[in-house]
Amino acid sequence: MSRLALSLFFDSDLCVDQELPRAGTTLENPFVYDAVAKEFKELAKRGLVQIVEESTHEADEGTLIDSLRYRRLRVG
């Protein structure tokens, strides 16, 4: 798990819907955003977060996640 994803996870509030930030962060890069969003989907498989909403788009490189809302379920 990347430090960025872990930092976002630990900075999020419990049981509050949140969106992965984009503007003004390193997540402005669509490939970085997609990678971190996929790490959050792995956290969901482990029961640490719930994915509330996900939006994707097709790019030359394949399908990229461009928006992800999640809810932190556990401390970690």
N, C-alpha and C. Protein backbone atom coordinates (compact mmCIF):
# COMPACT_ATOMS: atom_id res chain seq x y z
N MET A 1 0.86 -1.17 0.00
CA MET A 1 0.00 0.00 0.00
C MET A 1 0.90 1.23 0.00
N SER A 2 0.59 2.19 -0.82
CA SER A 2 1.40 3.41 -0.91
C SER A 2 1.20 4.29 0.32
N ARG A 3 2.20 5.09 0.60
CA ARG A 3 2.10 6.03 1.72
C ARG A 3 0.95 7.01 1.52
N LEU A 4 0.74 7.40 0.28
CA LEU A 4 -0.34 8.35 -0.03
C LEU A 4 -1.70 7.75 0.33
N ALA A 5 -1.94 6.52 -0.08
CA ALA A 5 -3.23 5.88 0.24
C ALA A 5 -3.38 5.69 1.74
N LEU A 6 -2.32 5.25 2.41
CA LEU A 6 -2.39 5.07 3.87
C LEU A 6 -2.64 6.39 4.58
N SER A 7 -1.99 7.43 4.12
CA SER A 7 -2.17 8.76 4.73
C SER A 7 -3.61 9.23 4.57
N LEU A 8 -4.18 9.06 3.39
CA LEU A 8 -5.56 9.45 3.15
C LEU A 8 -6.52 8.62 4.01
N PHE A 9 -6.22 7.34 4.13
CA PHE A 9 -7.06 6.47 4.94
C PHE A 9 -7.04 6.90 6.41
N PHE A 10 -5.85 7.08 6.96
CA PHE A 10 -5.74 7.43 8.38
C PHE A 10 -6.21 8.85 8.68
N ASP A 11 -6.21 9.73 7.68
CA ASP A 11 -6.70 11.10 7.88
C ASP A 11 -8.23 11.19 7.75
N SER A 12 -8.86 10.14 7.28
CA SER A 12 -10.31 10.20 7.08
C SER A 12 -11.04 9.88 8.39
N ASP A 13 -12.23 10.45 8.51
CA ASP A 13 -13.07 10.24 9.69
C ASP A 13 -13.84 8.93 9.56
N LEU A 14 -14.10 8.31 10.69
CA LEU A 14 -14.88 7.08 10.71
C LEU A 14 -16.34 7.36 10.35
N CYS A 15 -16.92 6.49 9.55
CA CYS A 15 -18.35 6.49 9.22
C CYS A 15 -18.83 7.78 8.56
N VAL A 16 -17.96 8.46 7.84
CA VAL A 16 -18.31 9.69 7.13
C VAL A 16 -17.97 9.50 5.65
N ASP A 17 -18.95 9.71 4.78
CA ASP A 17 -18.69 9.61 3.34
C ASP A 17 -17.68 10.69 2.94
N GLN A 18 -16.66 10.25 2.20
CA GLN A 18 -15.62 11.17 1.76
C GLN A 18 -15.22 10.83 0.33
N GLU A 19 -14.68 11.80 -0.34
CA GLU A 19 -14.23 11.60 -1.71
C GLU A 19 -12.72 11.73 -1.74
N LEU A 20 -12.08 10.87 -2.53
CA LEU A 20 -10.64 11.05 -2.71
C LEU A 20 -10.41 12.42 -3.32
N PRO A 21 -9.51 13.21 -2.76
CA PRO A 21 -9.30 14.57 -3.28
C PRO A 21 -8.61 14.52 -4.64
N ARG A 22 -8.80 15.55 -5.39
CA ARG A 22 -8.15 15.62 -6.71
C ARG A 22 -7.42 16.94 -6.88
N ALA A 23 -8.14 18.03 -6.92
CA ALA A 23 -7.55 19.34 -7.20
C ALA A 23 -6.56 19.74 -6.12
N GLY A 24 -5.42 20.23 -6.54
CA GLY A 24 -4.42 20.74 -5.62
C GLY A 24 -3.63 19.67 -4.89
N THR A 25 -3.73 18.41 -5.34
CA THR A 25 -3.00 17.32 -4.71
C THR A 25 -2.24 16.54 -5.78
N THR A 26 -1.44 15.59 -5.34
CA THR A 26 -0.75 14.72 -6.30
C THR A 26 -1.74 13.83 -7.05
N LEU A 27 -2.97 13.77 -6.56
CA LEU A 27 -3.98 12.96 -7.23
C LEU A 27 -4.57 13.66 -8.46
N GLU A 28 -4.09 14.86 -8.78
CA GLU A 28 -4.53 15.52 -10.02
C GLU A 28 -4.14 14.68 -11.24
N ASN A 29 -3.04 13.96 -11.12
CA ASN A 29 -2.62 13.08 -12.21
C ASN A 29 -3.60 11.90 -12.27
N PRO A 30 -4.25 11.67 -13.42
CA PRO A 30 -5.28 10.62 -13.49
C PRO A 30 -4.74 9.22 -13.20
N PHE A 31 -3.49 8.96 -13.50
CA PHE A 31 -2.92 7.63 -13.25
C PHE A 31 -2.62 7.43 -11.76
N VAL A 32 -2.21 8.48 -11.09
CA VAL A 32 -1.99 8.40 -9.65
C VAL A 32 -3.33 8.24 -8.95
N TYR A 33 -4.33 9.01 -9.37
CA TYR A 33 -5.67 8.90 -8.78
C TYR A 33 -6.19 7.48 -8.93
N ASP A 34 -6.08 6.93 -10.12
CA ASP A 34 -6.55 5.58 -10.39
C ASP A 34 -5.84 4.56 -9.50
N ALA A 35 -4.54 4.70 -9.34
CA ALA A 35 -3.77 3.75 -8.52
C ALA A 35 -4.20 3.82 -7.06
N VAL A 36 -4.38 5.02 -6.54
CA VAL A 36 -4.80 5.17 -5.14
C VAL A 36 -6.24 4.67 -4.97
N ALA A 37 -7.10 4.95 -5.93
CA ALA A 37 -8.48 4.47 -5.86
C ALA A 37 -8.51 2.94 -5.84
N LYS A 38 -7.66 2.31 -6.62
CA LYS A 38 -7.61 0.84 -6.62
C LYS A 38 -7.10 0.32 -5.28
N GLU A 39 -6.20 1.05 -4.64
CA GLU A 39 -5.75 0.66 -3.30
C GLU A 39 -6.90 0.77 -2.30
N PHE A 40 -7.75 1.77 -2.46
CA PHE A 40 -8.92 1.89 -1.59
C PHE A 40 -9.90 0.74 -1.85
N LYS A 41 -9.99 0.28 -3.07
CA LYS A 41 -10.84 -0.88 -3.35
C LYS A 41 -10.29 -2.13 -2.66
N GLU A 42 -8.99 -2.23 -2.54
CA GLU A 42 -8.38 -3.33 -1.79
C GLU A 42 -8.69 -3.19 -0.30
N LEU A 43 -8.67 -1.97 0.20
CA LEU A 43 -9.06 -1.74 1.60
C LEU A 43 -10.51 -2.17 1.82
N ALA A 44 -11.35 -1.96 0.82
CA ALA A 44 -12.76 -2.38 0.92
C ALA A 44 -12.86 -3.90 1.00
N LYS A 45 -12.04 -4.61 0.25
CA LYS A 45 -12.05 -6.07 0.30
C LYS A 45 -11.65 -6.57 1.69
N ARG A 46 -10.84 -5.79 2.40
CA ARG A 46 -10.39 -6.15 3.74
C ARG A 46 -11.37 -5.66 4.82
N GLY A 47 -12.44 -4.97 4.41
CA GLY A 47 -13.46 -4.52 5.33
C GLY A 47 -13.10 -3.24 6.08
N LEU A 48 -12.09 -2.51 5.60
CA LEU A 48 -11.68 -1.27 6.27
C LEU A 48 -12.45 -0.06 5.79
N VAL A 49 -12.90 -0.09 4.54
CA VAL A 49 -13.70 0.99 3.99
C VAL A 49 -14.85 0.37 3.18
N GLN A 50 -15.84 1.19 2.93
CA GLN A 50 -16.94 0.82 2.03
C GLN A 50 -16.90 1.78 0.86
N ILE A 51 -16.91 1.26 -0.36
CA ILE A 51 -16.97 2.11 -1.54
C ILE A 51 -18.43 2.54 -1.71
N VAL A 52 -18.66 3.84 -1.68
CA VAL A 52 -20.00 4.39 -1.76
C VAL A 52 -20.37 4.68 -3.21
N GLU A 53 -19.41 5.20 -3.97
CA GLU A 53 -19.66 5.56 -5.37
C GLU A 53 -18.35 5.56 -6.12
N GLU A 54 -18.40 5.10 -7.35
CA GLU A 54 -17.20 5.04 -8.19
C GLU A 54 -17.57 5.44 -9.61
N SER A 55 -16.73 6.25 -10.22
CA SER A 55 -16.93 6.65 -11.60
C SER A 55 -15.65 6.35 -12.38
N THR A 56 -15.81 5.81 -13.58
CA THR A 56 -14.66 5.47 -14.42
C THR A 56 -14.83 6.10 -15.80
N HIS A 57 -13.71 6.11 -16.52
CA HIS A 57 -13.78 6.52 -17.92
C HIS A 57 -12.75 5.71 -18.70
N GLU A 58 -13.01 5.60 -19.99
CA GLU A 58 -12.11 4.85 -20.87
C GLU A 58 -11.00 5.77 -21.37
N ALA A 59 -9.78 5.30 -21.29
CA ALA A 59 -8.62 6.02 -21.80
C ALA A 59 -7.87 5.07 -22.73
N ASP A 60 -6.89 5.59 -23.44
CA ASP A 60 -6.10 4.74 -24.33
C ASP A 60 -5.43 3.61 -23.56
N GLU A 61 -5.12 3.85 -22.29
CA GLU A 61 -4.42 2.87 -21.47
C GLU A 61 -5.37 1.89 -20.79
N GLY A 62 -6.67 2.07 -20.97
CA GLY A 62 -7.67 1.20 -20.34
C GLY A 62 -8.64 2.02 -19.51
N THR A 63 -9.38 1.35 -18.66
CA THR A 63 -10.36 2.02 -17.81
C THR A 63 -9.68 2.61 -16.59
N LEU A 64 -9.93 3.90 -16.34
CA LEU A 64 -9.36 4.59 -15.18
C LEU A 64 -10.47 5.05 -14.25
N ILE A 65 -10.24 4.92 -12.96
CA ILE A 65 -11.18 5.45 -11.97
C ILE A 65 -10.93 6.95 -11.87
N ASP A 66 -11.97 7.76 -12.06
CA ASP A 66 -11.77 9.21 -12.00
C ASP A 66 -12.51 9.86 -10.84
N SER A 67 -13.29 9.06 -10.08
CA SER A 67 -13.97 9.59 -8.90
C SER A 67 -14.29 8.41 -7.98
N LEU A 68 -14.00 8.60 -6.69
CA LEU A 68 -14.27 7.54 -5.73
C LEU A 68 -14.70 8.14 -4.41
N ARG A 69 -15.88 7.74 -3.96
CA ARG A 69 -16.39 8.12 -2.63
C ARG A 69 -16.35 6.88 -1.77
N TYR A 70 -15.92 7.05 -0.54
CA TYR A 70 -15.78 5.93 0.37
C TYR A 70 -16.19 6.32 1.78
N ARG A 71 -16.37 5.30 2.61
CA ARG A 71 -16.68 5.50 4.02
C ARG A 71 -15.73 4.61 4.82
N ARG A 72 -14.98 5.22 5.70
CA ARG A 72 -14.07 4.45 6.56
C ARG A 72 -14.88 3.71 7.61
N LEU A 73 -14.66 2.39 7.75
CA LEU A 73 -15.45 1.57 8.64
C LEU A 73 -14.72 1.21 9.93
N ARG A 74 -13.42 1.10 9.85
CA ARG A 74 -12.65 0.67 11.02
C ARG A 74 -11.40 1.51 11.17
N VAL A 75 -10.78 1.40 12.34
CA VAL A 75 -9.57 2.17 12.64
C VAL A 75 -8.39 1.69 11.81
N GLY A 76 -8.23 0.44 11.61
CA GLY A 76 -7.14 -0.03 10.77
C GLY A 76 -6.45 -1.22 11.21
